[in-house]
Protein backbone atom coordinates (compact mmCIF):
# COMPACT_ATOMS: atom_id res chain seq x y z
CA UNK A 1 73.82 87.51 55.60
CA UNK A 2 72.45 88.51 52.40
CA UNK A 3 74.81 90.00 49.48
CA UNK A 4 75.92 93.36 49.06
CA UNK A 5 73.38 93.84 45.79
CA UNK A 6 74.60 97.14 44.63
CA UNK A 7 78.15 95.82 45.17
CA UNK A 8 77.95 92.99 43.12
CA UNK A 9 75.89 94.56 40.66
CA UNK A 10 79.62 96.03 39.33
CA UNK A 11 80.33 92.45 38.14
CA UNK A 12 77.28 91.95 36.25
CA UNK A 13 77.75 92.22 32.36
CA UNK A 14 75.93 94.59 29.96
CA UNK A 15 74.67 91.48 27.92
CA UNK A 16 71.94 89.16 27.50
CA UNK A 17 71.06 86.54 30.16
CA UNK A 18 68.88 85.12 32.46
CA UNK A 19 68.62 85.88 36.68
CA UNK A 20 68.04 84.09 39.12
CA UNK A 21 67.09 84.98 42.63
CA UNK A 22 67.20 83.15 45.57
CA UNK A 23 65.87 83.40 48.92
CA UNK A 24 67.77 83.25 52.45
CA UNK A 25 67.11 78.88 52.16
CA UNK A 26 68.57 78.55 48.63
CA UNK A 27 65.64 78.64 47.10
CA UNK A 28 64.79 79.94 43.85
CA UNK A 29 62.10 82.47 44.04
CA UNK A 30 61.91 84.10 40.18
CA UNK A 31 63.60 83.49 37.16
CA UNK A 32 63.84 86.61 34.63
CA UNK A 33 65.59 87.67 31.11
CA UNK A 34 66.90 90.60 30.27
CA UNK A 35 68.34 92.19 26.74
CA UNK A 36 71.21 94.08 29.37
CA UNK A 37 71.26 92.04 32.88
CA UNK A 38 72.92 94.78 34.72
CA UNK A 39 70.16 97.24 33.60
CA UNK A 40 67.34 94.93 34.91
CA UNK A 41 69.01 93.59 38.04
CA UNK A 42 70.00 97.24 38.81
CA UNK A 43 66.29 98.00 38.54
CA UNK A 44 65.54 96.06 41.64
CA UNK A 45 67.59 97.39 43.68
CA UNK A 46 66.96 101.54 43.34
CA UNK A 47 64.93 103.55 46.25
CA UNK A 48 62.83 104.42 43.36
CA UNK A 49 61.62 101.05 42.35
CA UNK A 50 60.90 99.83 46.13
CA UNK A 51 59.07 102.63 46.69
CA UNK A 52 56.70 102.63 43.11
CA UNK A 53 56.71 98.71 43.18
CA UNK A 54 53.50 96.92 43.83
CA UNK A 55 52.82 94.13 46.27
CA UNK A 56 53.95 91.38 44.94
CA UNK A 57 57.02 93.12 43.50
CA UNK A 58 58.17 94.66 46.78
CA UNK A 59 57.66 91.19 48.25
CA UNK A 60 60.03 89.65 46.04
CA UNK A 61 62.73 91.94 46.42
CA UNK A 62 62.62 91.79 50.66
CA UNK A 63 62.87 88.56 49.75
CA UNK A 64 66.24 87.97 47.74
CA UNK A 65 69.03 86.71 49.11
CA UNK A 66 71.52 86.41 46.68
CA UNK A 67 71.29 86.18 42.67
CA UNK A 68 72.93 84.73 39.74
CA UNK A 69 73.11 85.45 36.71
CA UNK A 70 73.81 83.03 32.90
CA UNK A 71 74.89 84.71 29.78
CA UNK A 72 73.70 83.83 26.63
CA UNK A 73 74.19 84.81 22.72
CA UNK A 74 70.73 86.29 21.63
CA UNK A 75 66.51 86.70 23.17
CA UNK A 76 65.55 83.49 21.69
CA UNK A 77 67.62 81.85 23.61
CA UNK A 78 66.85 83.82 26.82
CA UNK A 79 63.11 83.01 26.20
CA UNK A 80 64.14 79.42 26.00
CA UNK A 81 66.38 79.11 29.02
CA UNK A 82 63.84 81.16 31.15
CA UNK A 83 61.13 78.42 30.30
CA UNK A 84 63.20 75.76 31.12
CA UNK A 85 64.40 76.89 34.35
CA UNK A 86 60.65 78.71 35.17
CA UNK A 87 59.26 74.54 34.95
CA UNK A 88 62.32 72.92 36.82
CA UNK A 89 61.78 74.76 39.31
CA UNK A 90 58.54 76.63 39.70
CA UNK A 91 59.45 79.73 41.44
CA UNK A 92 56.90 81.14 43.43
CA UNK A 93 57.11 84.42 42.10
CA UNK A 94 57.25 84.13 38.41
CA UNK A 95 53.49 84.00 36.77
CA UNK A 96 54.20 82.55 33.06
CA UNK A 97 55.52 79.76 31.97
CA UNK A 98 54.30 77.78 35.04
CA UNK A 99 51.95 75.75 33.22
CA UNK A 100 52.10 72.37 30.89
CA UNK A 101 52.85 74.37 27.57
CA UNK A 102 56.21 73.58 26.05
CA UNK A 103 57.75 75.45 23.42
CA UNK A 104 57.36 73.78 19.90
CA UNK A 105 59.18 70.96 18.15
CA UNK A 106 59.67 69.85 14.84
CA UNK A 107 59.32 66.41 14.39
CA UNK A 108 60.08 63.85 11.17
CA UNK A 109 60.18 59.97 10.99
CA UNK A 110 62.81 59.06 8.44
CA UNK A 111 61.21 55.54 8.84
CA UNK A 112 57.82 56.36 7.51
CA UNK A 113 57.38 55.37 3.98
CA UNK A 114 56.79 58.91 2.33
CA UNK A 115 58.23 61.51 5.92
CA UNK A 116 56.21 64.90 6.64
CA UNK A 117 56.83 67.23 9.35
CA UNK A 118 54.79 67.87 12.14
CA UNK A 119 54.72 70.73 14.61
CA UNK A 120 54.86 69.15 18.63
CA UNK A 121 55.65 70.31 21.69
CA UNK A 122 56.86 66.76 23.58
CA UNK A 123 59.68 65.21 22.84
CA UNK A 124 59.13 60.85 22.56
CA UNK A 125 61.24 58.10 22.32
CA UNK A 126 59.87 57.08 19.42
CA UNK A 127 62.92 56.99 16.58
CA UNK A 128 61.79 60.04 15.40
CA UNK A 129 64.20 63.06 14.78
CA UNK A 130 63.36 66.22 16.75
CA UNK A 131 64.40 69.66 15.61
CA UNK A 132 64.22 72.92 18.49
CA UNK A 133 62.09 73.90 20.79
CA UNK A 134 62.08 76.77 18.38
CA UNK A 135 61.31 80.18 20.72
CA UNK A 136 59.51 82.46 17.93
CA UNK A 137 56.08 79.97 16.50
CA UNK A 138 55.15 82.51 14.17
CA UNK A 139 57.81 82.39 12.34
CA UNK A 140 58.84 78.63 12.64
CA UNK A 141 55.51 78.05 11.11
CA UNK A 142 56.08 80.52 8.09
CA UNK A 143 59.43 78.97 7.85
CA UNK A 144 57.95 75.45 7.94
CA UNK A 145 55.77 76.17 5.47
CA UNK A 146 58.43 77.68 3.02
CA UNK A 147 60.49 74.77 3.85
CA UNK A 148 57.65 72.47 2.44
CA UNK A 149 57.32 74.53 -0.42
CA UNK A 150 60.43 74.61 -1.79
CA UNK A 151 61.21 71.04 -1.25
CA UNK A 152 57.55 69.74 -2.15
CA UNK A 153 57.50 67.82 1.01
CA UNK A 154 53.99 66.26 1.59
CA UNK A 155 52.14 68.27 4.71
CA UNK A 156 48.54 65.88 4.23
CA UNK A 157 48.20 62.65 6.67
CA UNK A 158 48.34 59.48 4.53
CA UNK A 159 45.28 57.52 4.73
CA UNK A 160 44.31 55.12 7.07
CA UNK A 161 43.53 51.37 6.07
CA UNK A 162 40.12 51.07 5.13
CA UNK A 163 39.35 54.85 5.22
CA UNK A 164 36.73 55.34 2.65
CA UNK A 165 36.20 58.95 2.31
CA UNK A 166 40.22 59.97 2.23
CA UNK A 167 40.08 62.62 0.16
CA UNK A 168 42.95 63.37 -1.55
CA UNK A 169 44.52 67.02 -1.23
CA UNK A 170 45.62 69.66 -3.98
CA UNK A 171 49.13 70.56 -2.80
CA UNK A 172 50.59 69.18 -6.15
CA UNK A 173 47.60 70.85 -8.18
CA UNK A 174 49.25 74.03 -7.00
CA UNK A 175 53.15 72.79 -7.14
CA UNK A 176 53.21 72.51 -3.48
CA UNK A 177 54.24 69.10 -3.25
CA UNK A 178 56.25 66.37 -5.39
CA UNK A 179 52.69 64.18 -4.62
CA UNK A 180 55.14 61.18 -3.89
CA UNK A 181 51.32 59.25 -2.95
CA UNK A 182 50.59 59.14 -6.32
CA UNK A 183 53.87 58.22 -7.35
CA UNK A 184 55.35 61.02 -9.53
CA UNK A 185 58.50 60.80 -7.86
CA UNK A 186 60.47 57.80 -6.44
CA UNK A 187 61.45 56.79 -2.86
CA UNK A 188 64.87 57.71 -3.37
CA UNK A 189 64.48 61.37 -4.69
CA UNK A 190 61.74 62.20 -1.78
CA UNK A 191 64.03 61.66 1.08
CA UNK A 192 66.64 62.70 -0.36
CA UNK A 193 64.74 66.62 -0.18
CA UNK A 194 63.53 65.39 3.17
CA UNK A 195 67.27 64.90 3.83
CA UNK A 196 68.13 68.49 2.46
CA UNK A 197 65.07 69.87 4.53
CA UNK A 198 66.72 68.76 7.63
CA UNK A 199 69.65 70.13 7.16
CA UNK A 200 68.13 73.30 6.29
CA UNK A 201 66.48 73.19 9.96
CA UNK A 202 69.66 72.32 11.42
CA UNK A 203 71.13 75.31 10.55
CA UNK A 204 72.53 75.07 7.33
CA UNK A 205 70.47 77.79 5.66
CA UNK A 206 72.53 80.17 3.92
CA UNK A 207 71.55 78.93 0.60
CA UNK A 208 67.55 79.66 0.50
CA UNK A 209 68.16 82.65 2.90
CA UNK A 210 70.69 84.13 -0.58
CA UNK A 211 68.07 83.03 -2.90
CA UNK A 212 65.14 84.72 -0.52
CA UNK A 213 67.40 87.78 -0.35
CA UNK A 214 67.69 87.19 -4.43
CA UNK A 215 63.84 87.48 -4.97
CA UNK A 216 62.56 90.11 -2.55
CA UNK A 217 65.75 92.24 -4.74
CA UNK A 218 64.44 91.39 -8.05
CA UNK A 219 60.70 92.25 -6.57
CA UNK A 220 61.76 95.68 -5.56
CA UNK A 221 63.44 96.22 -8.95
CA UNK A 222 59.74 95.50 -11.03
CA UNK A 223 57.92 97.93 -8.08
CA UNK A 224 56.05 94.71 -6.86
CA UNK A 225 56.54 96.34 -2.99
CA UNK A 226 54.01 93.69 -1.51
CA UNK A 227 55.59 90.74 -2.82
CA UNK A 228 58.75 92.15 -1.89
CA UNK A 229 57.95 92.81 1.85
CA UNK A 230 56.67 89.26 2.06
CA UNK A 231 59.70 88.26 1.38
CA UNK A 232 61.29 90.20 3.60
CA UNK A 233 58.95 88.99 6.46
CA UNK A 234 59.54 85.44 4.92
CA UNK A 235 63.83 86.49 5.41
CA UNK A 236 63.24 87.64 8.92
CA UNK A 237 61.22 84.30 9.78
CA UNK A 238 64.48 82.42 8.03
CA UNK A 239 67.12 84.07 10.20
CA UNK A 240 65.23 83.40 13.40
CA UNK A 241 64.27 79.83 13.24
CA UNK A 242 67.64 78.85 11.63
CA UNK A 243 69.88 80.81 13.69
CA UNK A 244 72.43 78.39 15.46
CA UNK A 245 71.35 78.52 19.13
CA UNK A 246 72.35 76.23 22.84
CA UNK A 247 69.57 74.11 23.46
CA UNK A 248 68.95 74.05 27.06
CA UNK A 249 67.68 71.08 28.93
CA UNK A 250 66.58 70.14 32.60
CA UNK A 251 69.25 68.57 33.83
CA UNK A 252 70.56 71.14 36.05
CA UNK A 253 71.08 74.82 36.25
CA UNK A 254 74.35 76.18 35.54
CA UNK A 255 76.04 76.83 38.97
CA UNK A 256 76.38 80.63 39.70
CA UNK A 257 80.57 81.83 39.84
CA UNK A 258 82.46 79.43 41.32
CA UNK A 259 86.11 81.39 41.72
CA UNK A 260 87.50 78.51 43.42
CA UNK A 261 87.08 76.10 40.44
CA UNK A 262 87.84 78.67 38.47
CA UNK A 263 91.30 79.48 39.89
CA UNK A 264 91.87 75.54 39.79
CA UNK A 265 90.90 75.66 35.51
CA UNK A 266 93.21 78.73 35.08
CA UNK A 267 96.00 77.18 36.38
CA UNK A 268 95.37 74.22 34.40
CA UNK A 269 95.03 75.97 31.13
CA UNK A 270 98.25 77.78 31.64
CA UNK A 271 99.98 75.21 32.79
CA UNK A 272 101.28 77.07 35.75
CA UNK A 273 102.29 75.81 39.44
CA UNK A 274 99.57 76.35 41.50
CA UNK A 275 96.20 78.85 41.22
CA UNK A 276 96.67 81.93 41.12
CA UNK A 277 95.16 83.41 44.03
CA UNK A 278 96.54 86.77 43.97
CA UNK A 279 95.98 88.23 40.00
CA UNK A 280 96.35 91.87 38.85
CA UNK A 281 95.19 93.30 35.46
CA UNK A 282 96.17 96.64 33.40
CA UNK A 283 94.16 98.55 31.08
CA UNK A 284 95.11 101.22 29.38
CA UNK A 285 92.16 104.59 28.25
CA UNK A 286 92.69 107.18 26.33
CA UNK A 287 90.85 109.87 23.90
CA UNK A 288 93.23 111.40 21.21
CA UNK A 289 95.76 112.55 23.84
CA UNK A 290 94.30 114.24 26.35
CA UNK A 291 93.89 112.11 30.29
CA UNK A 292 96.05 109.07 29.24
CA UNK A 293 95.18 106.69 32.18
CA UNK A 294 95.70 103.23 33.09
CA UNK A 295 93.93 101.16 35.52
CA UNK A 296 95.61 98.17 37.73
CA UNK A 297 92.75 95.77 39.65
CA UNK A 298 94.13 93.07 41.81
CA UNK A 299 91.68 89.77 42.33
CA UNK A 300 92.27 87.69 45.47
CA UNK A 301 91.36 84.39 45.21
CA UNK A 302 89.30 85.15 42.38
CA UNK A 303 87.09 87.95 43.56
CA UNK A 304 87.74 91.93 43.06
CA UNK A 305 90.39 93.17 46.14
CA UNK A 306 89.17 96.48 45.15
CA UNK A 307 91.47 97.82 48.46
CA UNK A 308 94.04 97.42 46.34
CA UNK A 309 93.24 98.45 43.11
CA UNK A 310 95.73 101.69 41.67
CA UNK A 311 95.16 104.35 38.93
CA UNK A 312 97.58 105.85 36.68
CA UNK A 313 97.82 109.49 34.80
CA UNK A 314 100.55 108.12 32.07
CA UNK A 315 103.00 110.98 32.42
CA UNK A 316 106.18 109.41 30.48
CA UNK A 317 104.67 108.74 27.19
CA UNK A 318 103.81 111.56 24.31
CA UNK A 319 100.49 111.23 22.47
CA UNK A 320 98.72 107.66 21.97
CA UNK A 321 100.57 104.78 22.10
CA UNK A 322 99.10 101.68 23.92
CA UNK A 323 102.49 99.79 24.13
CA UNK A 324 104.59 102.67 25.91
CA UNK A 325 101.80 103.12 27.90
CA UNK A 326 101.48 99.38 28.82
CA UNK A 327 105.45 99.86 29.66
CA UNK A 328 105.07 102.47 31.82
CA UNK A 329 101.95 102.01 34.51
CA UNK A 330 103.92 97.99 34.94
CA UNK A 331 107.72 99.87 35.18
CA UNK A 332 105.79 102.19 37.77
CA UNK A 333 104.05 99.67 39.42
CA UNK A 334 106.64 96.52 40.18
CA UNK A 335 109.53 99.41 40.76
CA UNK A 336 107.26 100.62 43.93
CA UNK A 337 106.91 97.15 45.10
CA UNK A 338 110.64 96.61 44.79
CA UNK A 339 111.35 99.19 46.83
CA UNK A 340 109.05 99.02 49.46
CA UNK A 341 110.13 95.37 50.09
CA UNK A 342 113.97 96.39 49.71
CA UNK A 343 116.01 96.07 52.94
CA UNK A 344 118.41 98.71 54.10
CA UNK A 345 121.37 97.18 52.93
CA UNK A 346 119.86 96.42 49.54
CA UNK A 347 122.90 97.72 47.82
CA UNK A 348 124.92 94.97 48.86
CA UNK A 349 122.34 92.18 48.98
CA UNK A 350 123.05 89.42 47.01
CA UNK A 351 119.04 88.40 46.41
CA UNK A 352 117.58 88.69 43.01
CA UNK A 353 113.94 90.90 42.48
CA UNK A 354 111.86 87.90 42.78
CA UNK A 355 113.43 86.23 46.24
CA UNK A 356 113.23 90.08 47.40
CA UNK A 357 109.27 90.14 46.61
CA UNK A 358 109.14 86.33 48.42
CA UNK A 359 110.39 87.24 51.15
CA UNK A 360 108.01 90.22 50.93
CA UNK A 361 105.05 87.96 51.61
CA UNK A 362 104.85 88.42 55.14
CA UNK A 363 101.33 88.90 57.16
CA UNK A 364 101.59 92.82 56.80
CA UNK A 365 97.68 92.66 57.13
CA UNK A 366 96.33 90.19 59.39
CA UNK A 367 93.19 89.66 56.77
CA UNK A 368 95.27 89.35 53.97
CA UNK A 369 96.27 85.66 54.39
CA UNK A 370 99.67 85.99 54.87
CA UNK A 371 100.07 88.02 51.84
CA UNK A 372 101.07 91.43 51.62
CA UNK A 373 100.62 94.24 49.91
CA UNK A 374 104.43 94.01 48.20
CA UNK A 375 104.14 90.53 47.32
CA UNK A 376 104.22 89.96 43.73
CA UNK A 377 100.76 88.88 41.77
CA UNK A 378 100.91 85.28 40.87
CA UNK A 379 99.87 86.37 37.34
CA UNK A 380 99.71 89.50 35.96
CA UNK A 381 97.44 89.82 32.89
CA UNK A 382 97.49 92.67 30.57
CA UNK A 383 94.61 94.40 28.38
CA UNK A 384 95.73 93.44 24.59
CA UNK A 385 97.55 91.13 22.37
CA UNK A 386 101.51 90.87 21.56
CA UNK A 387 102.38 94.05 21.53
CA UNK A 388 101.31 95.07 24.88
CA UNK A 389 102.28 91.75 26.25
CA UNK A 390 105.59 92.22 24.66
CA UNK A 391 106.77 95.70 26.16
CA UNK A 392 105.27 94.49 29.93
CA UNK A 393 107.48 91.63 29.72
CA UNK A 394 110.19 94.18 28.72
CA UNK A 395 109.66 96.30 31.76
CA UNK A 396 109.35 93.23 34.06
CA UNK A 397 113.23 91.72 32.45
CA UNK A 398 114.74 95.16 33.56
CA UNK A 399 113.49 94.81 36.68
CA UNK A 400 114.54 91.74 37.01
CA UNK A 401 111.41 89.99 37.12
CA UNK A 402 112.39 87.11 34.38
CA UNK A 403 109.92 84.36 35.81
CA UNK A 404 106.99 86.29 36.66
CA UNK A 405 103.83 84.81 35.18
CA UNK A 406 102.27 87.24 33.27
CA UNK A 407 100.11 86.54 29.84
CA UNK A 408 98.14 89.17 27.62
CA UNK A 409 94.13 89.05 26.73
CA UNK A 410 92.74 90.61 23.31
CA UNK A 411 89.30 91.13 23.31
CA UNK A 412 88.58 90.84 19.71
CA UNK A 413 88.56 86.91 19.67
CA UNK A 414 89.23 86.47 23.44
CA UNK A 415 92.90 85.10 22.68
CA UNK A 416 95.51 84.51 25.16
CA UNK A 417 99.06 85.42 24.83
CA UNK A 418 101.92 83.85 26.51
CA UNK A 419 105.82 85.20 26.91
CA UNK A 420 107.61 82.25 24.34
CA UNK A 421 104.69 81.07 22.66
CA UNK A 422 104.20 81.90 18.94
CA UNK A 423 100.71 80.97 18.73
CA UNK A 424 98.06 82.55 21.24
CA UNK A 425 95.81 80.30 23.46
CA UNK A 426 92.27 80.18 22.80
CA UNK A 427 89.78 78.43 25.49
CA UNK A 428 85.84 77.35 25.34
CA UNK A 429 83.93 80.14 25.66
CA UNK A 430 81.90 78.28 28.15
CA UNK A 431 85.30 77.93 30.73
CA UNK A 432 85.40 78.99 33.55
CA UNK A 433 89.03 80.39 33.48
CA UNK A 434 87.89 82.32 30.37
CA UNK A 435 85.22 83.84 32.05
CA UNK A 436 87.60 84.88 34.99
CA UNK A 437 89.91 86.50 32.95
CA UNK A 438 86.99 88.36 31.36
CA UNK A 439 85.77 89.32 34.97
CA UNK A 440 89.44 90.83 35.65
CA UNK A 441 89.57 92.56 32.57
CA UNK A 442 86.31 93.76 32.78
CA UNK A 443 86.77 95.33 35.82
CA UNK A 444 90.24 96.73 34.97
CA UNK A 445 88.43 98.82 31.99
CA UNK A 446 85.52 99.40 33.92
CA UNK A 447 88.34 101.01 36.50
CA UNK A 448 90.32 102.46 33.76
CA UNK A 449 86.81 104.34 32.10
CA UNK A 450 85.41 105.61 35.43
CA UNK A 451 89.04 107.71 36.37
CA UNK A 452 89.37 108.94 33.11
CA UNK A 453 85.57 110.46 32.97
CA UNK A 454 86.25 111.90 36.29
CA UNK A 455 89.34 113.81 34.88
CA UNK A 456 87.49 114.73 31.83
CA UNK A 457 84.33 116.00 33.86
CA UNK A 458 87.43 117.91 36.33
CA UNK A 459 89.27 119.66 33.37
CA UNK A 460 85.53 120.61 31.82
CA UNK A 461 84.32 122.06 35.26
CA UNK A 462 87.50 124.44 35.13
CA UNK A 463 88.06 125.74 32.01
CA UNK A 464 89.12 129.39 31.09
CA UNK A 465 86.35 129.17 28.59
CA UNK A 466 83.87 129.64 31.05
CA UNK A 467 84.85 133.45 31.30
CA UNK A 468 84.00 133.44 27.44
CA UNK A 469 80.42 135.09 26.89
CA UNK A 470 78.49 132.94 24.62
CA UNK A 471 80.27 129.66 25.51
CA UNK A 472 77.64 127.50 27.32
CA UNK A 473 78.16 124.24 28.99
CA UNK A 474 77.51 122.21 25.89
CA UNK A 475 79.35 124.20 23.46
CA UNK A 476 82.89 123.92 26.04
CA UNK A 477 81.65 120.31 26.18
CA UNK A 478 82.15 120.27 22.19
CA UNK A 479 85.39 122.45 21.64
CA UNK A 480 87.21 120.42 24.61
CA UNK A 481 85.37 117.35 23.08
CA UNK A 482 86.79 118.04 19.43
CA UNK A 483 90.74 119.69 20.48
CA UNK A 484 91.26 118.12 24.12
CA UNK A 485 92.19 121.26 26.10
CA UNK A 486 92.57 125.18 25.96
CA UNK A 487 96.50 124.97 24.18
CA UNK A 488 95.54 123.50 21.49
CA UNK A 489 92.49 125.82 21.00
CA UNK A 490 94.77 128.76 20.75
CA UNK A 491 97.55 127.39 18.19
CA UNK A 492 94.13 126.78 15.82
CA UNK A 493 92.72 129.51 13.25
CA UNK A 494 89.36 130.48 14.02
CA UNK A 495 87.84 128.88 10.90
CA UNK A 496 88.58 125.65 12.68
CA UNK A 497 86.59 126.74 16.22
CA UNK A 498 83.77 127.97 14.13
CA UNK A 499 83.40 124.32 12.63
CA UNK A 500 82.62 122.97 15.71
CA UNK A 501 78.67 121.96 16.11
CA UNK A 502 76.82 125.29 17.89
CA UNK A 503 79.60 127.51 17.47
CA UNK A 504 79.92 129.41 13.96
CA UNK A 505 81.94 132.20 12.60
CA UNK A 506 81.26 134.89 14.76
CA UNK A 507 81.61 133.22 18.83
CA UNK A 508 84.93 131.36 16.97
CA UNK A 509 86.29 134.86 16.54
CA UNK A 510 85.31 135.91 19.96
CA UNK A 511 86.71 132.39 21.54
CA UNK A 512 90.31 132.91 19.00
CA UNK A 513 90.43 136.25 20.08
CA UNK A 514 89.83 135.97 23.69
CA UNK A 515 92.58 133.16 23.75
CA UNK A 516 94.79 135.70 22.36
CA UNK A 517 94.50 137.71 24.75
CA UNK A 518 94.99 135.60 27.23
CA UNK A 519 98.26 134.47 26.07
CA UNK A 520 99.56 137.92 25.95
CA UNK A 521 98.42 138.53 29.43
């Protein structure tokens, strides 16, 4: 059966990438790119899009059986990757990139007496060095002209043997070439210049970029805005051309999500005894001190087990304190599991908590593969670094769960913190283990934010502010966003209320007077 497209959209990130659509026979029928994968893919499965689409698009949507996506770092990479996949699979619903035209490459043969840079679309096994492909042909041509001028690289072709009417070019006269053909420079010096130009095309362009930026600022200070604009355009072209990018080949299409392999890779990276079939991830969401909430999402066999998601309102932690909030939610989650797994004579039992939870791995449901809902997960993940991990570990130890497998995942550098290890673990960006951890962390973040937004909407819809004349829905929202609650508004002077956008002194006085009167009542 086809996948539930709408349900799977929750796993698609808001990042640039390439998506591949397949039919019921697993054939690639369409390849596309997007700056925001989730928004683009969601547009295919909205009822309005289906009704308004042309006949070809409706046929495509009706043929989609499943889809997959692959993340890239930039729009340029997405263009290159999309073109490569279209040429490889020639999907029936794609029109662009199906011809034999390829992206531009830069070729230089260092074995020639006086090498020069040439544009080509075909890579050959001829001993020459190739750079690219490049997605922006205009930026590449501009950059190549600047590189030739800066390093004095010849652009004209050498004369053919016996050629009588060959004319010497004028590049050396206008200072665009070092003129090796008339012996104005030695071959060793010329090859050194070519090597420096090759380094720049390889991405080592910081020195030249800084130089162009300095020239641009100088031109602007001299009020030579035309020259400054030219240098600005050259600077943009340099950055586009020399930005490091993944070079995609035609070997294979990267695999779609493979939870089984990702679980095995994660077990290997964390040195676990077995792949973590059940994982639980915690995240804290708060804005100011209003509605601090937490989420717990559960993955089973590498995919979301949404029936066992849980959400919490943090009630025992005053103020914004992510460490204490994480400790509270971990304590509430696993103390409840222990209570559910405890026998009637638990007070006299000699079993430790881990043995108790291990015995709770009974088939409570026929479809859970023998894993009861009360069983301790194979891996616990907390969203955060050392502080959040330490708080969670202390609570697990208080509950007697000393050997529970737990890690912290810090978002900024995707570092994995482990108990008793001073240094974090960093996995390669293309690691299936890291991508699996990112999926469960992002799902926990989404679930927590959704709960937080729900509580805020409820609070805004049921407010004493609705009874105050002149306080519209937008003004109520602005007041609650600024102060968090009506109780805090009662404690501030009218001047602070008036300072909120859209309120003003007169309405601020009315709000303060009304809230004071309601307090007295």
